[in-house]
């Protein structure tokens, strides 16, 4: 599966309309055509979460909170 397809599927389950006005939804960085074999999940996109995802071999890090808030 490609990153863009994963994003589309997640946005079907968690529609942007349900987000808070200050929230950011969807892919913030990356290439939608990259292949995904593993996904890591975290509450916040902290440096520790990013390092964990990388060390775990994940191509995608899905977080509950966005990297930057408006």
PDB file of N, CA and C in Angstrom:
ATOM      1  N   UNK A   1       0.849  -1.175   0.000  1.00  0.00           N
ATOM      2  CA  UNK A   1       0.000   0.000   0.000  1.00  0.00           C
ATOM      3  C   UNK A   1       0.896   1.240   0.000  1.00  0.00           C
ATOM      4  N   UNK A   2       0.428   2.287  -0.620  1.00  0.00           N
ATOM      5  CA  UNK A   2       1.171   3.544  -0.627  1.00  0.00           C
ATOM      6  C   UNK A   2       0.665   4.475   0.476  1.00  0.00           C
ATOM      7  N   UNK A   3       1.511   5.408   0.867  1.00  0.00           N
ATOM      8  CA  UNK A   3       1.172   6.355   1.925  1.00  0.00           C
ATOM      9  C   UNK A   3      -0.134   7.086   1.611  1.00  0.00           C
ATOM     10  N   UNK A   4      -0.312   7.523   0.384  1.00  0.00           N
ATOM     11  CA  UNK A   4      -1.530   8.238   0.008  1.00  0.00           C
ATOM     12  C   UNK A   4      -2.784   7.399   0.201  1.00  0.00           C
ATOM     13  N   UNK A   5      -2.707   6.122  -0.102  1.00  0.00           N
ATOM     14  CA  UNK A   5      -3.852   5.225   0.098  1.00  0.00           C
ATOM     15  C   UNK A   5      -4.137   5.062   1.589  1.00  0.00           C
ATOM     16  N   UNK A   6      -3.102   4.895   2.390  1.00  0.00           N
ATOM     17  CA  UNK A   6      -3.284   4.806   3.841  1.00  0.00           C
ATOM     18  C   UNK A   6      -3.947   6.076   4.363  1.00  0.00           C
ATOM     19  N   UNK A   7      -3.481   7.223   3.892  1.00  0.00           N
ATOM     20  CA  UNK A   7      -4.079   8.494   4.301  1.00  0.00           C
ATOM     21  C   UNK A   7      -5.555   8.551   3.925  1.00  0.00           C
ATOM     22  N   UNK A   8      -5.893   8.174   2.708  1.00  0.00           N
ATOM     23  CA  UNK A   8      -7.296   8.192   2.273  1.00  0.00           C
ATOM     24  C   UNK A   8      -8.161   7.299   3.152  1.00  0.00           C
ATOM     25  N   UNK A   9      -7.656   6.118   3.459  1.00  0.00           N
ATOM     26  CA  UNK A   9      -8.434   5.198   4.293  1.00  0.00           C
ATOM     27  C   UNK A   9      -8.624   5.738   5.705  1.00  0.00           C
ATOM     28  N   UNK A  10      -7.573   6.322   6.272  1.00  0.00           N
ATOM     29  CA  UNK A  10      -7.688   6.891   7.610  1.00  0.00           C
ATOM     30  C   UNK A  10      -8.661   8.070   7.630  1.00  0.00           C
ATOM     31  N   UNK A  11      -8.643   8.895   6.583  1.00  0.00           N
ATOM     32  CA  UNK A  11      -9.555  10.036   6.527  1.00  0.00           C
ATOM     33  C   UNK A  11     -11.005   9.602   6.316  1.00  0.00           C
ATOM     34  N   UNK A  12     -11.228   8.412   5.768  1.00  0.00           N
ATOM     35  CA  UNK A  12     -12.588   7.876   5.678  1.00  0.00           C
ATOM     36  C   UNK A  12     -13.100   7.503   7.069  1.00  0.00           C
ATOM     37  N   UNK A  13     -12.213   6.960   7.895  1.00  0.00           N
ATOM     38  CA  UNK A  13     -12.586   6.547   9.252  1.00  0.00           C
ATOM     39  C   UNK A  13     -12.654   7.751  10.182  1.00  0.00           C
ATOM     40  N   UNK A  14     -11.691   8.666  10.024  1.00  0.00           N
ATOM     41  CA  UNK A  14     -11.585   9.857  10.866  1.00  0.00           C
ATOM     42  C   UNK A  14     -11.684  11.097   9.968  1.00  0.00           C
ATOM     43  N   UNK A  15     -12.890  11.509   9.591  1.00  0.00           N
ATOM     44  CA  UNK A  15     -13.051  12.611   8.635  1.00  0.00           C
ATOM     45  C   UNK A  15     -12.549  13.942   9.198  1.00  0.00           C
ATOM     46  N   UNK A  16     -11.970  14.765   8.335  1.00  0.00           N
ATOM     47  CA  UNK A  16     -11.464  16.070   8.767  1.00  0.00           C
ATOM     48  C   UNK A  16     -12.546  16.957   9.400  1.00  0.00           C
ATOM     49  N   UNK A  17     -13.785  16.765   8.990  1.00  0.00           N
ATOM     50  CA  UNK A  17     -14.881  17.564   9.538  1.00  0.00           C
ATOM     51  C   UNK A  17     -15.065  17.340  11.038  1.00  0.00           C
ATOM     52  N   UNK A  18     -14.600  16.210  11.546  1.00  0.00           N
ATOM     53  CA  UNK A  18     -14.734  15.898  12.967  1.00  0.00           C
ATOM     54  C   UNK A  18     -13.597  16.483  13.802  1.00  0.00           C
ATOM     55  N   UNK A  19     -12.591  17.044  13.151  1.00  0.00           N
ATOM     56  CA  UNK A  19     -11.434  17.605  13.849  1.00  0.00           C
ATOM     57  C   UNK A  19     -11.774  18.964  14.435  1.00  0.00           C
ATOM     58  N   UNK A  20     -11.010  19.358  15.415  1.00  0.00           N
ATOM     59  CA  UNK A  20     -11.143  20.698  15.983  1.00  0.00           C
ATOM     60  C   UNK A  20     -10.658  21.729  14.966  1.00  0.00           C
ATOM     61  N   UNK A  21     -11.090  22.966  15.104  1.00  0.00           N
ATOM     62  CA  UNK A  21     -10.713  24.003  14.145  1.00  0.00           C
ATOM     63  C   UNK A  21      -9.212  24.257  14.119  1.00  0.00           C
ATOM     64  N   UNK A  22      -8.525  24.025  15.239  1.00  0.00           N
ATOM     65  CA  UNK A  22      -7.086  24.259  15.328  1.00  0.00           C
ATOM     66  C   UNK A  22      -6.264  23.048  14.890  1.00  0.00           C
ATOM     67  N   UNK A  23      -6.918  21.936  14.671  1.00  0.00           N
ATOM     68  CA  UNK A  23      -6.228  20.690  14.359  1.00  0.00           C
ATOM     69  C   UNK A  23      -5.793  20.649  12.897  1.00  0.00           C
ATOM     70  N   UNK A  24      -4.820  19.821  12.623  1.00  0.00           N
ATOM     71  CA  UNK A  24      -4.369  19.587  11.253  1.00  0.00           C
ATOM     72  C   UNK A  24      -4.554  18.102  10.965  1.00  0.00           C
ATOM     73  N   UNK A  25      -5.197  17.801   9.881  1.00  0.00           N
ATOM     74  CA  UNK A  25      -5.459  16.409   9.530  1.00  0.00           C
ATOM     75  C   UNK A  25      -4.700  16.037   8.270  1.00  0.00           C
ATOM     76  N   UNK A  26      -4.549  14.751   8.079  1.00  0.00           N
ATOM     77  CA  UNK A  26      -3.888  14.267   6.875  1.00  0.00           C
ATOM     78  C   UNK A  26      -2.372  14.291   7.001  1.00  0.00           C
ATOM     79  N   UNK A  27      -1.727  13.975   5.904  1.00  0.00           N
ATOM     80  CA  UNK A  27      -0.280  13.882   5.871  1.00  0.00           C
ATOM     81  C   UNK A  27       0.345  15.268   5.967  1.00  0.00           C
ATOM     82  N   UNK A  28       1.283  15.425   6.884  1.00  0.00           N
ATOM     83  CA  UNK A  28       1.951  16.711   7.053  1.00  0.00           C
ATOM     84  C   UNK A  28       3.292  16.741   6.333  1.00  0.00           C
ATOM     85  N   UNK A  29       3.988  15.625   6.287  1.00  0.00           N
ATOM     86  CA  UNK A  29       5.264  15.535   5.576  1.00  0.00           C
ATOM     87  C   UNK A  29       5.354  14.164   4.914  1.00  0.00           C
ATOM     88  N   UNK A  30       6.100  14.084   3.833  1.00  0.00           N
ATOM     89  CA  UNK A  30       6.321  12.793   3.197  1.00  0.00           C
ATOM     90  C   UNK A  30       5.864  12.755   1.760  1.00  0.00           C
ATOM     91  N   UNK A  31       6.002  11.585   1.179  1.00  0.00           N
ATOM     92  CA  UNK A  31       5.670  11.350  -0.219  1.00  0.00           C
ATOM     93  C   UNK A  31       4.484  10.392  -0.290  1.00  0.00           C
ATOM     94  N   UNK A  32       3.353  10.810  -0.856  1.00  0.00           N
ATOM     95  CA  UNK A  32       2.177   9.935  -0.906  1.00  0.00           C
ATOM     96  C   UNK A  32       2.374   8.683  -1.761  1.00  0.00           C
ATOM     97  N   UNK A  33       3.452   8.639  -2.553  1.00  0.00           N
ATOM     98  CA  UNK A  33       3.686   7.473  -3.405  1.00  0.00           C
ATOM     99  C   UNK A  33       4.654   6.468  -2.798  1.00  0.00           C
ATOM    100  N   UNK A  34       5.204   6.768  -1.609  1.00  0.00           N
ATOM    101  CA  UNK A  34       6.089   5.811  -0.931  1.00  0.00           C
ATOM    102  C   UNK A  34       5.285   4.594  -0.491  1.00  0.00           C
ATOM    103  N   UNK A  35       5.927   3.454  -0.511  1.00  0.00           N
ATOM    104  CA  UNK A  35       5.289   2.215  -0.077  1.00  0.00           C
ATOM    105  C   UNK A  35       5.318   2.103   1.447  1.00  0.00           C
ATOM    106  N   UNK A  36       4.260   1.538   2.007  1.00  0.00           N
ATOM    107  CA  UNK A  36       4.136   1.338   3.448  1.00  0.00           C
ATOM    108  C   UNK A  36       4.078  -0.148   3.742  1.00  0.00           C
ATOM    109  N   UNK A  37       4.963  -0.598   4.602  1.00  0.00           N
ATOM    110  CA  UNK A  37       4.922  -1.978   5.086  1.00  0.00           C
ATOM    111  C   UNK A  37       4.640  -2.036   6.582  1.00  0.00           C
ATOM    112  N   UNK A  38       4.980  -0.933   7.290  1.00  0.00           N
ATOM    113  CA  UNK A  38       4.774  -0.898   8.737  1.00  0.00           C
ATOM    114  C   UNK A  38       4.398   0.511   9.161  1.00  0.00           C
ATOM    115  N   UNK A  39       3.533   0.593  10.172  1.00  0.00           N
ATOM    116  CA  UNK A  39       3.051   1.870  10.684  1.00  0.00           C
ATOM    117  C   UNK A  39       3.255   1.887  12.194  1.00  0.00           C
ATOM    118  N   UNK A  40       3.765   3.002  12.711  1.00  0.00           N
ATOM    119  CA  UNK A  40       3.863   3.211  14.156  1.00  0.00           C
ATOM    120  C   UNK A  40       2.798   4.222  14.550  1.00  0.00           C
ATOM    121  N   UNK A  41       2.325   4.125  15.788  1.00  0.00           N
ATOM    122  CA  UNK A  41       1.277   5.004  16.286  1.00  0.00           C
ATOM    123  C   UNK A  41       1.745   5.620  17.600  1.00  0.00           C
ATOM    124  N   UNK A  42       1.492   6.936  17.764  1.00  0.00           N
ATOM    125  CA  UNK A  42       1.877   7.626  18.996  1.00  0.00           C
ATOM    126  C   UNK A  42       0.868   8.731  19.286  1.00  0.00           C
ATOM    127  N   UNK A  43       0.850   9.185  20.521  1.00  0.00           N
ATOM    128  CA  UNK A  43      -0.012  10.296  20.891  1.00  0.00           C
ATOM    129  C   UNK A  43       0.508  11.593  20.281  1.00  0.00           C
ATOM    130  N   UNK A  44       1.797  11.839  20.432  1.00  0.00           N
ATOM    131  CA  UNK A  44       2.418  13.065  19.944  1.00  0.00           C
ATOM    132  C   UNK A  44       3.578  12.742  19.009  1.00  0.00           C
ATOM    133  N   UNK A  45       3.849  13.612  18.034  1.00  0.00           N
ATOM    134  CA  UNK A  45       4.983  13.393  17.134  1.00  0.00           C
ATOM    135  C   UNK A  45       6.293  13.886  17.761  1.00  0.00           C
ATOM    136  N   UNK A  46       6.635  13.301  18.894  1.00  0.00           N
ATOM    137  CA  UNK A  46       7.847  13.691  19.613  1.00  0.00           C
ATOM    138  C   UNK A  46       9.068  13.061  18.942  1.00  0.00           C
ATOM    139  N   UNK A  47      10.239  13.569  19.309  1.00  0.00           N
ATOM    140  CA  UNK A  47      11.472  13.002  18.787  1.00  0.00           C
ATOM    141  C   UNK A  47      11.583  11.534  19.173  1.00  0.00           C
ATOM    142  N   UNK A  48      11.171  11.199  20.382  1.00  0.00           N
ATOM    143  CA  UNK A  48      11.207   9.799  20.829  1.00  0.00           C
ATOM    144  C   UNK A  48      10.300   8.921  19.961  1.00  0.00           C
ATOM    145  N   UNK A  49       9.114   9.420  19.617  1.00  0.00           N
ATOM    146  CA  UNK A  49       8.194   8.651  18.771  1.00  0.00           C
ATOM    147  C   UNK A  49       8.759   8.476  17.374  1.00  0.00           C
ATOM    148  N   UNK A  50       9.381   9.524  16.846  1.00  0.00           N
ATOM    149  CA  UNK A  50       9.979   9.445  15.512  1.00  0.00           C
ATOM    150  C   UNK A  50      11.118   8.437  15.510  1.00  0.00           C
ATOM    151  N   UNK A  51      11.963   8.473  16.539  1.00  0.00           N
ATOM    152  CA  UNK A  51      13.074   7.513  16.634  1.00  0.00           C
ATOM    153  C   UNK A  51      12.553   6.092  16.783  1.00  0.00           C
ATOM    154  N   UNK A  52      11.502   5.914  17.586  1.00  0.00           N
ATOM    155  CA  UNK A  52      10.903   4.590  17.757  1.00  0.00           C
ATOM    156  C   UNK A  52      10.407   4.051  16.427  1.00  0.00           C
ATOM    157  N   UNK A  53       9.681   4.894  15.685  1.00  0.00           N
ATOM    158  CA  UNK A  53       9.140   4.475  14.391  1.00  0.00           C
ATOM    159  C   UNK A  53      10.268   4.066  13.451  1.00  0.00           C
ATOM    160  N   UNK A  54      11.301   4.875  13.394  1.00  0.00           N
ATOM    161  CA  UNK A  54      12.447   4.562  12.524  1.00  0.00           C
ATOM    162  C   UNK A  54      13.095   3.242  12.934  1.00  0.00           C
ATOM    163  N   UNK A  55      13.357   3.078  14.237  1.00  0.00           N
ATOM    164  CA  UNK A  55      14.013   1.860  14.725  1.00  0.00           C
ATOM    165  C   UNK A  55      13.148   0.622  14.564  1.00  0.00           C
ATOM    166  N   UNK A  56      11.833   0.815  14.546  1.00  0.00           N
ATOM    167  CA  UNK A  56      10.904  -0.309  14.371  1.00  0.00           C
ATOM    168  C   UNK A  56      10.719  -0.666  12.901  1.00  0.00           C
ATOM    169  N   UNK A  57      11.268   0.144  12.005  1.00  0.00           N
ATOM    170  CA  UNK A  57      11.133  -0.135  10.575  1.00  0.00           C
ATOM    171  C   UNK A  57       9.854   0.394   9.972  1.00  0.00           C
ATOM    172  N   UNK A  58       9.173   1.297  10.674  1.00  0.00           N
ATOM    173  CA  UNK A  58       7.922   1.859  10.164  1.00  0.00           C
ATOM    174  C   UNK A  58       8.220   2.954   9.146  1.00  0.00           C
ATOM    175  N   UNK A  59       7.444   2.974   8.086  1.00  0.00           N
ATOM    176  CA  UNK A  59       7.564   4.028   7.084  1.00  0.00           C
ATOM    177  C   UNK A  59       6.650   5.200   7.395  1.00  0.00           C
ATOM    178  N   UNK A  60       5.685   4.982   8.286  1.00  0.00           N
ATOM    179  CA  UNK A  60       4.691   6.003   8.623  1.00  0.00           C
ATOM    180  C   UNK A  60       4.548   6.066  10.139  1.00  0.00           C
ATOM    181  N   UNK A  61       4.426   7.294  10.646  1.00  0.00           N
ATOM    182  CA  UNK A  61       4.101   7.524  12.055  1.00  0.00           C
ATOM    183  C   UNK A  61       2.760   8.245  12.088  1.00  0.00           C
ATOM    184  N   UNK A  62       1.749   7.591  12.633  1.00  0.00           N
ATOM    185  CA  UNK A  62       0.420   8.189  12.782  1.00  0.00           C
ATOM    186  C   UNK A  62       0.313   8.680  14.220  1.00  0.00           C
ATOM    187  N   UNK A  63      -0.028   9.968  14.387  1.00  0.00           N
ATOM    188  CA  UNK A  63      -0.150  10.524  15.732  1.00  0.00           C
ATOM    189  C   UNK A  63      -1.537  11.119  15.937  1.00  0.00           C
ATOM    190  N   UNK A  64      -1.950  11.158  17.187  1.00  0.00           N
ATOM    191  CA  UNK A  64      -3.237  11.765  17.532  1.00  0.00           C
ATOM    192  C   UNK A  64      -3.145  13.290  17.430  1.00  0.00           C
ATOM    193  N   UNK A  65      -2.066  13.851  17.961  1.00  0.00           N
ATOM    194  CA  UNK A  65      -1.859  15.294  17.901  1.00  0.00           C
ATOM    195  C   UNK A  65      -1.000  15.646  16.688  1.00  0.00           C
ATOM    196  N   UNK A  66      -1.235  16.826  16.101  1.00  0.00           N
ATOM    197  CA  UNK A  66      -0.425  17.245  14.946  1.00  0.00           C
ATOM    198  C   UNK A  66       0.957  17.728  15.378  1.00  0.00           C
ATOM    199  N   UNK A  67       1.849  17.816  14.425  1.00  0.00           N
ATOM    200  CA  UNK A  67       3.208  18.309  14.686  1.00  0.00           C
ATOM    201  C   UNK A  67       3.171  19.754  15.151  1.00  0.00           C
ATOM    202  N   UNK A  68       2.399  20.580  14.468  1.00  0.00           N
ATOM    203  CA  UNK A  68       2.263  21.996  14.834  1.00  0.00           C
ATOM    204  C   UNK A  68       0.789  22.320  14.990  1.00  0.00           C
ATOM    205  N   UNK A  69       0.490  23.105  15.986  1.00  0.00           N
ATOM    206  CA  UNK A  69      -0.885  23.568  16.191  1.00  0.00           C
ATOM    207  C   UNK A  69      -1.014  24.974  15.635  1.00  0.00           C
ATOM    208  N   UNK A  70      -2.196  25.309  15.123  1.00  0.00           N
ATOM    209  CA  UNK A  70      -2.437  26.680  14.648  1.00  0.00           C
ATOM    210  C   UNK A  70      -2.449  27.628  15.831  1.00  0.00           C
TER     211      UNK A  70
END
